[in-house]
C-alpha atoms as a PDB file:
ATOM      1  CA  MET A   1     136.226-134.836  95.846  1.00  0.00           C
ATOM      2  CA  SER A   2     133.182-136.901  96.762  1.00  0.00           C
ATOM      3  CA  SER A   3     133.150-140.671  96.501  1.00  0.00           C
ATOM      4  CA  PRO A   4     130.505-142.498  94.464  1.00  0.00           C
ATOM      5  CA  SER A   5     127.135-142.923  96.115  1.00  0.00           C
ATOM      6  CA  LYS A   6     125.111-146.125  96.213  1.00  0.00           C
ATOM      7  CA  LEU A   7     122.325-144.115  94.582  1.00  0.00           C
ATOM      8  CA  ASP A   8     124.440-143.957  91.417  1.00  0.00           C
ATOM      9  CA  ASP A   9     123.814-147.706  90.990  1.00  0.00           C
ATOM     10  CA  PRO A  10     120.380-148.211  89.325  1.00  0.00           C
ATOM     11  CA  LEU A  11     119.611-151.304  91.425  1.00  0.00           C
ATOM     12  CA  HIS A  12     120.265-149.555  94.761  1.00  0.00           C
ATOM     13  CA  ALA A  13     118.456-146.443  93.552  1.00  0.00           C
ATOM     14  CA  SER A  14     115.349-148.402  92.546  1.00  0.00           C
ATOM     15  CA  ILE A  15     115.276-150.185  95.918  1.00  0.00           C
ATOM     16  CA  ALA A  16     115.702-146.907  97.804  1.00  0.00           C
ATOM     17  CA  TRP A  17     113.006-145.119  95.807  1.00  0.00           C
ATOM     18  CA  SER A  18     110.578-148.027  96.141  1.00  0.00           C
ATOM     19  CA  ARG A  19     111.046-147.850  99.920  1.00  0.00           C
ATOM     20  CA  TYR A  20     110.434-144.095  99.785  1.00  0.00           C
ATOM     21  CA  TRP A  21     107.217-144.431  97.792  1.00  0.00           C
ATOM     22  CA  ARG A  22     105.987-147.242 100.057  1.00  0.00           C
ATOM     23  CA  LEU A  23     106.577-144.929 103.034  1.00  0.00           C
ATOM     24  CA  MET A  24     104.714-142.117 101.270  1.00  0.00           C
ATOM     25  CA  ARG A  25     101.723-144.370 100.538  1.00  0.00           C
ATOM     26  CA  TRP A  26     101.450-145.291 104.212  1.00  0.00           C
ATOM     27  CA  MET A  27     101.868-141.671 105.270  1.00  0.00           C
ATOM     28  CA  THR A  28      99.151-140.609 102.830  1.00  0.00           C
ATOM     29  CA  VAL A  29      96.744-143.083 104.454  1.00  0.00           C
ATOM     30  CA  LEU A  30      97.758-141.833 107.900  1.00  0.00           C
ATOM     31  CA  THR A  31      97.352-138.225 106.758  1.00  0.00           C
ATOM     32  CA  LEU A  32      93.826-138.891 105.489  1.00  0.00           C
ATOM     33  CA  LEU A  33      92.997-140.505 108.824  1.00  0.00           C
ATOM     34  CA  CYS A  34      94.384-137.489 110.721  1.00  0.00           C
ATOM     35  CA  VAL A  35      92.438-135.076 108.505  1.00  0.00           C
ATOM     36  CA  ALA A  36      89.233-137.036 109.175  1.00  0.00           C
ATOM     37  CA  ILE A  37      89.905-136.992 112.926  1.00  0.00           C
ATOM     38  CA  ALA A  38      90.632-133.235 112.884  1.00  0.00           C
ATOM     39  CA  LEU A  39      87.474-132.486 110.908  1.00  0.00           C
ATOM     40  CA  GLY A  40      85.411-134.761 113.147  1.00  0.00           C
ATOM     41  CA  TYR A  41      86.727-133.058 116.266  1.00  0.00           C
ATOM     42  CA  LEU A  42      86.081-129.635 114.778  1.00  0.00           C
ATOM     43  CA  TYR A  43      82.512-130.598 113.923  1.00  0.00           C
ATOM     44  CA  MET A  44      81.883-132.096 117.359  1.00  0.00           C
ATOM     45  CA  ALA A  45      83.303-129.045 119.135  1.00  0.00           C
ATOM     46  CA  HIS A  46      81.764-126.251 117.025  1.00  0.00           C
ATOM     47  CA  GLY A  47      79.163-127.731 114.686  1.00  0.00           C
ATOM     48  CA  MET A  48      78.841-126.590 111.094  1.00  0.00           C
ATOM     49  CA  VAL A  49      80.481-123.161 111.257  1.00  0.00           C
ATOM     50  CA  SER A  50      81.616-122.485 107.706  1.00  0.00           C
ATOM     51  CA  ILE A  51      82.654-124.737 104.858  1.00  0.00           C
ATOM     52  CA  HIS A  52      85.737-122.556 104.414  1.00  0.00           C
ATOM     53  CA  LEU A  53      86.904-123.422 107.925  1.00  0.00           C
ATOM     54  CA  TYR A  54      86.696-127.125 107.154  1.00  0.00           C
ATOM     55  CA  ILE A  55      88.446-126.753 103.798  1.00  0.00           C
ATOM     56  CA  ALA A  56      91.250-124.707 105.367  1.00  0.00           C
ATOM     57  CA  THR A  57      91.628-127.179 108.224  1.00  0.00           C
ATOM     58  CA  ALA A  58      91.763-130.168 105.873  1.00  0.00           C
ATOM     59  CA  ALA A  59      94.264-128.423 103.599  1.00  0.00           C
ATOM     60  CA  GLY A  60      96.424-127.217 106.479  1.00  0.00           C
ATOM     61  CA  VAL A  61      96.600-130.560 108.271  1.00  0.00           C
ATOM     62  CA  GLY A  62      97.040-132.479 105.009  1.00  0.00           C
ATOM     63  CA  VAL A  63      99.775-130.283 103.555  1.00  0.00           C
ATOM     64  CA  ALA A  64     101.674-130.087 106.857  1.00  0.00           C
ATOM     65  CA  LEU A  65     101.689-133.847 107.382  1.00  0.00           C
ATOM     66  CA  LEU A  66     102.494-134.745 103.762  1.00  0.00           C
ATOM     67  CA  LEU A  67     105.278-132.178 103.503  1.00  0.00           C
ATOM     68  CA  THR A  68     106.789-133.386 106.764  1.00  0.00           C
ATOM     69  CA  SER A  69     106.520-136.991 105.571  1.00  0.00           C
ATOM     70  CA  ALA A  70     108.141-136.213 102.228  1.00  0.00           C
ATOM     71  CA  LEU A  71     111.072-134.352 103.737  1.00  0.00           C
ATOM     72  CA  MET A  72     111.685-136.893 106.492  1.00  0.00           C
ATOM     73  CA  GLY A  73     111.423-139.671 103.908  1.00  0.00           C
ATOM     74  CA  LEU A  74     114.151-137.995 101.873  1.00  0.00           C
ATOM     75  CA  VAL A  75     116.323-137.750 104.984  1.00  0.00           C
ATOM     76  CA  PHE A  76     115.793-141.448 105.671  1.00  0.00           C
ATOM     77  CA  ILE A  77     116.544-142.460 102.077  1.00  0.00           C
ATOM     78  CA  SER A  78     119.692-140.347 102.049  1.00  0.00           C
ATOM     79  CA  SER A  79     120.934-141.798 105.312  1.00  0.00           C
ATOM     80  CA  SER A  80     120.050-145.440 104.675  1.00  0.00           C
ATOM     81  CA  SER A  81     121.409-145.511 101.119  1.00  0.00           C
ATOM     82  CA  GLY A  82     124.881-144.308 102.143  1.00  0.00           C
ATOM     83  CA  HIS A  83     124.525-141.094 100.170  1.00  0.00           C
ATOM     84  CA  ASP A  84     125.438-138.999 103.220  1.00  0.00           C
ATOM     85  CA  GLU A  85     128.753-140.797 103.677  1.00  0.00           C
ATOM     86  CA  SER A  86     129.727-140.282 100.034  1.00  0.00           C
ATOM     87  CA  VAL A  87     129.677-136.485 100.293  1.00  0.00           C
ATOM     88  CA  LYS A  88     132.958-134.787 101.101  1.00  0.00           C
ATOM     89  CA  ASN A  89     132.745-132.857 104.353  1.00  0.00           C
ATOM     90  CA  SER A  90     135.003-129.848 103.870  1.00  0.00           C
ATOM     91  CA  PHE A  91     133.894-128.332 107.181  1.00  0.00           C
ATOM     92  CA  THR A  92     135.773-130.910 109.258  1.00  0.00           C
ATOM     93  CA  GLU A  93     138.869-130.461 107.079  1.00  0.00           C
ATOM     94  CA  ASP A  94     138.747-126.700 107.642  1.00  0.00           C
ATOM     95  CA  THR A  95     138.338-126.994 111.405  1.00  0.00           C
ATOM     96  CA  ASN A  96     141.130-129.564 111.735  1.00  0.00           C
ATOM     97  CA  HIS A  97     143.453-127.442 109.601  1.00  0.00           C
ATOM     98  CA  ASN A  98     143.001-124.346 111.781  1.00  0.00           C
ATOM     99  CA  GLU A  99     144.025-126.058 115.013  1.00  0.00           C
END
């Protein structure tokens, strides 16, 4: 049986989610900066090749960075809110039982 998580409390949940969204706002700004740098480098290195190349580069860099930020943000919110500790770890019980 798992114990209650701090995220079950609305006050702790609102604090945790506000931290998450603040992190995502900063990462969105950083992502836009990285996309601009990547497109600038591409233009300086190869000139105006094709608009499709620039669209694909912007989408690829943007999606990769935002997805990574979102998933790592969820890991951070889970760890810092105590949600990880509230989950029952049946794996350690199974390994200790077999010894």
